Amino acid sequence: MGVFEEAKIRLSDIQKRIMRLRDAGDALNKIPVTRSDKTKFRMMYATVPRIKEEFEEQLSIVIKQLGKPEKVSK
């Protein structure tokens, strides 16, 4: 598997993590919340800056790969 395909898979995984985080936040708004529930959500939310960095890194890989000319087979 090439760098481009791996980066696309990682971007997909990042998207899934963000969706889980968003769903958890929505769930907290709909049900009675305990202190431990809030703490768990804060811990999940604390990973957002790291997820953002990973996203930017993987996106830059995809952009670099798209900018490269395709290899011509002889």
PDB file of N, CA and C in Angstrom:
ATOM      1  N   MET A   1       0.852  -1.164   0.000  1.00  0.00           N
ATOM      2  CA  MET A   1       0.000   0.000   0.000  1.00  0.00           C
ATOM      3  C   MET A   1       0.900   1.229   0.000  1.00  0.00           C
ATOM      4  N   GLY A   2       0.548   2.178  -0.817  1.00  0.00           N
ATOM      5  CA  GLY A   2       1.361   3.377  -0.942  1.00  0.00           C
ATOM      6  C   GLY A   2       1.055   4.415   0.122  1.00  0.00           C
ATOM      7  N   VAL A   3       1.866   5.442   0.128  1.00  0.00           N
ATOM      8  CA  VAL A   3       1.723   6.532   1.091  1.00  0.00           C
ATOM      9  C   VAL A   3       0.361   7.199   0.939  1.00  0.00           C
ATOM     10  N   PHE A   4      -0.060   7.402  -0.297  1.00  0.00           N
ATOM     11  CA  PHE A   4      -1.328   8.069  -0.570  1.00  0.00           C
ATOM     12  C   PHE A   4      -2.502   7.287   0.011  1.00  0.00           C
ATOM     13  N   GLU A   5      -2.523   5.976  -0.211  1.00  0.00           N
ATOM     14  CA  GLU A   5      -3.620   5.146   0.284  1.00  0.00           C
ATOM     15  C   GLU A   5      -3.644   5.117   1.811  1.00  0.00           C
ATOM     16  N   GLU A   6      -2.452   5.041   2.427  1.00  0.00           N
ATOM     17  CA  GLU A   6      -2.379   5.044   3.889  1.00  0.00           C
ATOM     18  C   GLU A   6      -2.891   6.363   4.452  1.00  0.00           C
ATOM     19  N   ALA A   7      -2.533   7.469   3.821  1.00  0.00           N
ATOM     20  CA  ALA A   7      -2.992   8.780   4.280  1.00  0.00           C
ATOM     21  C   ALA A   7      -4.506   8.888   4.163  1.00  0.00           C
ATOM     22  N   LYS A   8      -5.068   8.363   3.076  1.00  0.00           N
ATOM     23  CA  LYS A   8      -6.529   8.398   2.921  1.00  0.00           C
ATOM     24  C   LYS A   8      -7.207   7.581   4.014  1.00  0.00           C
ATOM     25  N   ILE A   9      -6.644   6.431   4.357  1.00  0.00           N
ATOM     26  CA  ILE A   9      -7.213   5.596   5.422  1.00  0.00           C
ATOM     27  C   ILE A   9      -7.129   6.320   6.760  1.00  0.00           C
ATOM     28  N   ARG A  10      -5.996   6.954   7.018  1.00  0.00           N
ATOM     29  CA  ARG A  10      -5.844   7.688   8.280  1.00  0.00           C
ATOM     30  C   ARG A  10      -6.824   8.852   8.359  1.00  0.00           C
ATOM     31  N   LEU A  11      -7.037   9.541   7.242  1.00  0.00           N
ATOM     32  CA  LEU A  11      -8.016  10.632   7.227  1.00  0.00           C
ATOM     33  C   LEU A  11      -9.414  10.106   7.527  1.00  0.00           C
ATOM     34  N   SER A  12      -9.734   8.957   7.005  1.00  0.00           N
ATOM     35  CA  SER A  12     -11.028   8.342   7.277  1.00  0.00           C
ATOM     36  C   SER A  12     -11.159   8.001   8.762  1.00  0.00           C
ATOM     37  N   ASP A  13     -10.094   7.477   9.359  1.00  0.00           N
ATOM     38  CA  ASP A  13     -10.110   7.162  10.786  1.00  0.00           C
ATOM     39  C   ASP A  13     -10.275   8.420  11.634  1.00  0.00           C
ATOM     40  N   ILE A  14      -9.608   9.488  11.241  1.00  0.00           N
ATOM     41  CA  ILE A  14      -9.737  10.757  11.958  1.00  0.00           C
ATOM     42  C   ILE A  14     -11.173  11.249  11.879  1.00  0.00           C
ATOM     43  N   GLN A  15     -11.778  11.127  10.717  1.00  0.00           N
ATOM     44  CA  GLN A  15     -13.166  11.548  10.550  1.00  0.00           C
ATOM     45  C   GLN A  15     -14.083  10.739  11.466  1.00  0.00           C
ATOM     46  N   LYS A  16     -13.844   9.448  11.589  1.00  0.00           N
ATOM     47  CA  LYS A  16     -14.658   8.605  12.466  1.00  0.00           C
ATOM     48  C   LYS A  16     -14.502   9.014  13.923  1.00  0.00           C
ATOM     49  N   ARG A  17     -13.271   9.362  14.335  1.00  0.00           N
ATOM     50  CA  ARG A  17     -13.055   9.788  15.724  1.00  0.00           C
ATOM     51  C   ARG A  17     -13.793  11.081  16.016  1.00  0.00           C
ATOM     52  N   ILE A  18     -13.773  12.012  15.065  1.00  0.00           N
ATOM     53  CA  ILE A  18     -14.487  13.279  15.243  1.00  0.00           C
ATOM     54  C   ILE A  18     -15.994  13.038  15.322  1.00  0.00           C
ATOM     55  N   MET A  19     -16.505  12.134  14.500  1.00  0.00           N
ATOM     56  CA  MET A  19     -17.937  11.815  14.541  1.00  0.00           C
ATOM     57  C   MET A  19     -18.325  11.220  15.897  1.00  0.00           C
ATOM     58  N   ARG A  20     -17.484  10.334  16.441  1.00  0.00           N
ATOM     59  CA  ARG A  20     -17.767   9.758  17.761  1.00  0.00           C
ATOM     60  C   ARG A  20     -17.773  10.839  18.829  1.00  0.00           C
ATOM     61  N   LEU A  21     -16.844  11.776  18.734  1.00  0.00           N
ATOM     62  CA  LEU A  21     -16.775  12.872  19.688  1.00  0.00           C
ATOM     63  C   LEU A  21     -18.019  13.744  19.588  1.00  0.00           C
ATOM     64  N   ARG A  22     -18.434  14.045  18.367  1.00  0.00           N
ATOM     65  CA  ARG A  22     -19.641  14.857  18.167  1.00  0.00           C
ATOM     66  C   ARG A  22     -20.881  14.137  18.686  1.00  0.00           C
ATOM     67  N   ASP A  23     -20.969  12.845  18.408  1.00  0.00           N
ATOM     68  CA  ASP A  23     -22.108  12.062  18.889  1.00  0.00           C
ATOM     69  C   ASP A  23     -22.147  12.014  20.411  1.00  0.00           C
ATOM     70  N   ALA A  24     -20.988  11.918  21.035  1.00  0.00           N
ATOM     71  CA  ALA A  24     -20.930  11.909  22.501  1.00  0.00           C
ATOM     72  C   ALA A  24     -21.411  13.245  23.056  1.00  0.00           C
ATOM     73  N   GLY A  25     -21.019  14.334  22.417  1.00  0.00           N
ATOM     74  CA  GLY A  25     -21.480  15.655  22.851  1.00  0.00           C
ATOM     75  C   GLY A  25     -22.982  15.803  22.690  1.00  0.00           C
ATOM     76  N   ASP A  26     -23.520  15.304  21.586  1.00  0.00           N
ATOM     77  CA  ASP A  26     -24.970  15.351  21.380  1.00  0.00           C
ATOM     78  C   ASP A  26     -25.696  14.520  22.430  1.00  0.00           C
ATOM     79  N   ALA A  27     -25.143  13.365  22.761  1.00  0.00           N
ATOM     80  CA  ALA A  27     -25.768  12.491  23.757  1.00  0.00           C
ATOM     81  C   ALA A  27     -25.788  13.160  25.127  1.00  0.00           C
ATOM     82  N   LEU A  28     -24.744  13.900  25.454  1.00  0.00           N
ATOM     83  CA  LEU A  28     -24.706  14.586  26.749  1.00  0.00           C
ATOM     84  C   LEU A  28     -25.794  15.645  26.843  1.00  0.00           C
ATOM     85  N   ASN A  29     -26.178  16.221  25.723  1.00  0.00           N
ATOM     86  CA  ASN A  29     -27.227  17.237  25.727  1.00  0.00           C
ATOM     87  C   ASN A  29     -28.620  16.635  25.873  1.00  0.00           C
ATOM     88  N   LYS A  30     -28.771  15.354  25.573  1.00  0.00           N
ATOM     89  CA  LYS A  30     -30.100  14.747  25.542  1.00  0.00           C
ATOM     90  C   LYS A  30     -30.461  13.963  26.796  1.00  0.00           C
ATOM     91  N   ILE A  31     -29.471  13.583  27.602  1.00  0.00           N
ATOM     92  CA  ILE A  31     -29.752  12.749  28.769  1.00  0.00           C
ATOM     93  C   ILE A  31     -29.252  13.432  30.033  1.00  0.00           C
ATOM     94  N   PRO A  32     -29.784  13.017  31.188  1.00  0.00           N
ATOM     95  CA  PRO A  32     -29.217  13.517  32.445  1.00  0.00           C
ATOM     96  C   PRO A  32     -27.757  13.059  32.552  1.00  0.00           C
ATOM     97  N   VAL A  33     -26.894  13.970  32.930  1.00  0.00           N
ATOM     98  CA  VAL A  33     -25.459  13.693  32.892  1.00  0.00           C
ATOM     99  C   VAL A  33     -24.884  13.659  34.299  1.00  0.00           C
ATOM    100  N   THR A  34     -24.052  12.653  34.538  1.00  0.00           N
ATOM    101  CA  THR A  34     -23.345  12.577  35.814  1.00  0.00           C
ATOM    102  C   THR A  34     -21.990  13.264  35.673  1.00  0.00           C
ATOM    103  N   ARG A  35     -21.353  13.450  36.787  1.00  0.00           N
ATOM    104  CA  ARG A  35     -20.044  14.092  36.774  1.00  0.00           C
ATOM    105  C   ARG A  35     -19.025  13.250  36.001  1.00  0.00           C
ATOM    106  N   SER A  36     -19.099  11.931  36.165  1.00  0.00           N
ATOM    107  CA  SER A  36     -18.147  11.068  35.452  1.00  0.00           C
ATOM    108  C   SER A  36     -18.379  11.129  33.938  1.00  0.00           C
ATOM    109  N   ASP A  37     -19.637  11.276  33.518  1.00  0.00           N
ATOM    110  CA  ASP A  37     -19.921  11.426  32.085  1.00  0.00           C
ATOM    111  C   ASP A  37     -19.267  12.697  31.537  1.00  0.00           C
ATOM    112  N   LYS A  38     -19.381  13.778  32.304  1.00  0.00           N
ATOM    113  CA  LYS A  38     -18.764  15.036  31.872  1.00  0.00           C
ATOM    114  C   LYS A  38     -17.247  14.901  31.802  1.00  0.00           C
ATOM    115  N   THR A  39     -16.681  14.209  32.783  1.00  0.00           N
ATOM    116  CA  THR A  39     -15.229  14.017  32.804  1.00  0.00           C
ATOM    117  C   THR A  39     -14.770  13.211  31.600  1.00  0.00           C
ATOM    118  N   LYS A  40     -15.502  12.142  31.281  1.00  0.00           N
ATOM    119  CA  LYS A  40     -15.146  11.328  30.118  1.00  0.00           C
ATOM    120  C   LYS A  40     -15.202  12.160  28.840  1.00  0.00           C
ATOM    121  N   PHE A  41     -16.227  13.006  28.727  1.00  0.00           N
ATOM    122  CA  PHE A  41     -16.338  13.839  27.533  1.00  0.00           C
ATOM    123  C   PHE A  41     -15.188  14.842  27.463  1.00  0.00           C
ATOM    124  N   ARG A  42     -14.832  15.429  28.598  1.00  0.00           N
ATOM    125  CA  ARG A  42     -13.708  16.371  28.607  1.00  0.00           C
ATOM    126  C   ARG A  42     -12.419  15.689  28.166  1.00  0.00           C
ATOM    127  N   MET A  43     -12.244  14.446  28.587  1.00  0.00           N
ATOM    128  CA  MET A  43     -11.048  13.700  28.183  1.00  0.00           C
ATOM    129  C   MET A  43     -11.063  13.453  26.675  1.00  0.00           C
ATOM    130  N   MET A  44     -12.238  13.134  26.138  1.00  0.00           N
ATOM    131  CA  MET A  44     -12.347  12.948  24.690  1.00  0.00           C
ATOM    132  C   MET A  44     -12.076  14.265  23.971  1.00  0.00           C
ATOM    133  N   TYR A  45     -12.648  15.346  24.503  1.00  0.00           N
ATOM    134  CA  TYR A  45     -12.509  16.655  23.865  1.00  0.00           C
ATOM    135  C   TYR A  45     -11.066  17.140  23.909  1.00  0.00           C
ATOM    136  N   ALA A  46     -10.323  16.740  24.927  1.00  0.00           N
ATOM    137  CA  ALA A  46      -8.922  17.151  25.056  1.00  0.00           C
ATOM    138  C   ALA A  46      -8.070  16.620  23.912  1.00  0.00           C
ATOM    139  N   THR A  47      -8.534  15.583  23.235  1.00  0.00           N
ATOM    140  CA  THR A  47      -7.766  15.024  22.122  1.00  0.00           C
ATOM    141  C   THR A  47      -7.953  15.803  20.823  1.00  0.00           C
ATOM    142  N   VAL A  48      -8.851  16.772  20.813  1.00  0.00           N
ATOM    143  CA  VAL A  48      -9.142  17.513  19.580  1.00  0.00           C
ATOM    144  C   VAL A  48      -7.900  18.197  18.996  1.00  0.00           C
ATOM    145  N   PRO A  49      -7.069  18.887  19.791  1.00  0.00           N
ATOM    146  CA  PRO A  49      -5.869  19.494  19.184  1.00  0.00           C
ATOM    147  C   PRO A  49      -4.950  18.460  18.527  1.00  0.00           C
ATOM    148  N   ARG A  50      -4.805  17.300  19.159  1.00  0.00           N
ATOM    149  CA  ARG A  50      -3.970  16.253  18.570  1.00  0.00           C
ATOM    150  C   ARG A  50      -4.602  15.725  17.278  1.00  0.00           C
ATOM    151  N   ILE A  51      -5.909  15.560  17.288  1.00  0.00           N
ATOM    152  CA  ILE A  51      -6.609  15.106  16.083  1.00  0.00           C
ATOM    153  C   ILE A  51      -6.430  16.129  14.965  1.00  0.00           C
ATOM    154  N   LYS A  52      -6.503  17.412  15.315  1.00  0.00           N
ATOM    155  CA  LYS A  52      -6.314  18.476  14.324  1.00  0.00           C
ATOM    156  C   LYS A  52      -4.923  18.390  13.704  1.00  0.00           C
ATOM    157  N   GLU A  53      -3.905  18.183  14.531  1.00  0.00           N
ATOM    158  CA  GLU A  53      -2.535  18.067  14.017  1.00  0.00           C
ATOM    159  C   GLU A  53      -2.389  16.855  13.100  1.00  0.00           C
ATOM    160  N   GLU A  54      -2.963  15.728  13.515  1.00  0.00           N
ATOM    161  CA  GLU A  54      -2.908  14.523  12.684  1.00  0.00           C
ATOM    162  C   GLU A  54      -3.602  14.758  11.346  1.00  0.00           C
ATOM    163  N   PHE A  55      -4.748  15.440  11.397  1.00  0.00           N
ATOM    164  CA  PHE A  55      -5.498  15.722  10.179  1.00  0.00           C
ATOM    165  C   PHE A  55      -4.672  16.575   9.220  1.00  0.00           C
ATOM    166  N   GLU A  56      -4.067  17.634   9.746  1.00  0.00           N
ATOM    167  CA  GLU A  56      -3.266  18.512   8.902  1.00  0.00           C
ATOM    168  C   GLU A  56      -2.084  17.763   8.293  1.00  0.00           C
ATOM    169  N   GLU A  57      -1.462  16.900   9.091  1.00  0.00           N
ATOM    170  CA  GLU A  57      -0.321  16.121   8.600  1.00  0.00           C
ATOM    171  C   GLU A  57      -0.740  15.182   7.469  1.00  0.00           C
ATOM    172  N   GLN A  58      -1.824  14.452   7.676  1.00  0.00           N
ATOM    173  CA  GLN A  58      -2.275  13.498   6.662  1.00  0.00           C
ATOM    174  C   GLN A  58      -2.787  14.214   5.416  1.00  0.00           C
ATOM    175  N   LEU A  59      -3.457  15.334   5.617  1.00  0.00           N
ATOM    176  CA  LEU A  59      -3.949  16.103   4.477  1.00  0.00           C
ATOM    177  C   LEU A  59      -2.793  16.643   3.643  1.00  0.00           C
ATOM    178  N   SER A  60      -1.724  17.080   4.301  1.00  0.00           N
ATOM    179  CA  SER A  60      -0.569  17.570   3.544  1.00  0.00           C
ATOM    180  C   SER A  60       0.066  16.447   2.729  1.00  0.00           C
ATOM    181  N   ILE A  61       0.069  15.225   3.271  1.00  0.00           N
ATOM    182  CA  ILE A  61       0.593  14.080   2.517  1.00  0.00           C
ATOM    183  C   ILE A  61      -0.252  13.840   1.273  1.00  0.00           C
ATOM    184  N   VAL A  62      -1.568  13.877   1.440  1.00  0.00           N
ATOM    185  CA  VAL A  62      -2.470  13.660   0.302  1.00  0.00           C
ATOM    186  C   VAL A  62      -2.256  14.739  -0.754  1.00  0.00           C
ATOM    187  N   ILE A  63      -2.143  15.982  -0.316  1.00  0.00           N
ATOM    188  CA  ILE A  63      -1.955  17.086  -1.263  1.00  0.00           C
ATOM    189  C   ILE A  63      -0.632  16.935  -2.009  1.00  0.00           C
ATOM    190  N   LYS A  64       0.429  16.565  -1.286  1.00  0.00           N
ATOM    191  CA  LYS A  64       1.727  16.359  -1.945  1.00  0.00           C
ATOM    192  C   LYS A  64       1.639  15.241  -2.975  1.00  0.00           C
ATOM    193  N   GLN A  65       0.956  14.160  -2.615  1.00  0.00           N
ATOM    194  CA  GLN A  65       0.843  13.029  -3.537  1.00  0.00           C
ATOM    195  C   GLN A  65       0.016  13.391  -4.764  1.00  0.00           C
ATOM    196  N   LEU A  66      -1.011  14.198  -4.577  1.00  0.00           N
ATOM    197  CA  LEU A  66      -1.829  14.614  -5.716  1.00  0.00           C
ATOM    198  C   LEU A  66      -1.074  15.572  -6.628  1.00  0.00           C
ATOM    199  N   GLY A  67      -0.113  16.304  -6.063  1.00  0.00           N
ATOM    200  CA  GLY A  67       0.659  17.252  -6.856  1.00  0.00           C
ATOM    201  C   GLY A  67       1.777  16.614  -7.653  1.00  0.00           C
ATOM    202  N   LYS A  68       2.119  15.378  -7.326  1.00  0.00           N
ATOM    203  CA  LYS A  68       3.194  14.695  -8.053  1.00  0.00           C
ATOM    204  C   LYS A  68       2.681  14.209  -9.402  1.00  0.00           C
ATOM    205  N   PRO A  69       3.520  14.323 -10.421  1.00  0.00           N
ATOM    206  CA  PRO A  69       3.107  13.770 -11.715  1.00  0.00           C
ATOM    207  C   PRO A  69       3.079  12.244 -11.644  1.00  0.00           C
ATOM    208  N   GLU A  70       2.149  11.662 -12.366  1.00  0.00           N
ATOM    209  CA  GLU A  70       2.043  10.202 -12.371  1.00  0.00           C
ATOM    210  C   GLU A  70       3.232   9.605 -13.105  1.00  0.00           C
ATOM    211  N   LYS A  71       3.657   8.438 -12.631  1.00  0.00           N
ATOM    212  CA  LYS A  71       4.763   7.749 -13.286  1.00  0.00           C
ATOM    213  C   LYS A  71       4.251   7.119 -14.572  1.00  0.00           C
ATOM    214  N   VAL A  72       5.004   7.309 -15.624  1.00  0.00           N
ATOM    215  CA  VAL A  72       4.637   6.736 -16.913  1.00  0.00           C
ATOM    216  C   VAL A  72       5.348   5.400 -17.041  1.00  0.00           C
ATOM    217  N   SER A  73       4.570   4.349 -17.248  1.00  0.00           N
ATOM    218  CA  SER A  73       5.194   3.031 -17.402  1.00  0.00           C
ATOM    219  C   SER A  73       5.752   2.887 -18.812  1.00  0.00           C
ATOM    220  N   LYS A  74       6.906   2.247 -18.890  1.00  0.00           N
ATOM    221  CA  LYS A  74       7.578   2.114 -20.193  1.00  0.00           C
ATOM    222  C   LYS A  74       7.241   0.817 -20.848  1.00  0.00           C
TER     223      LYS A  74
END
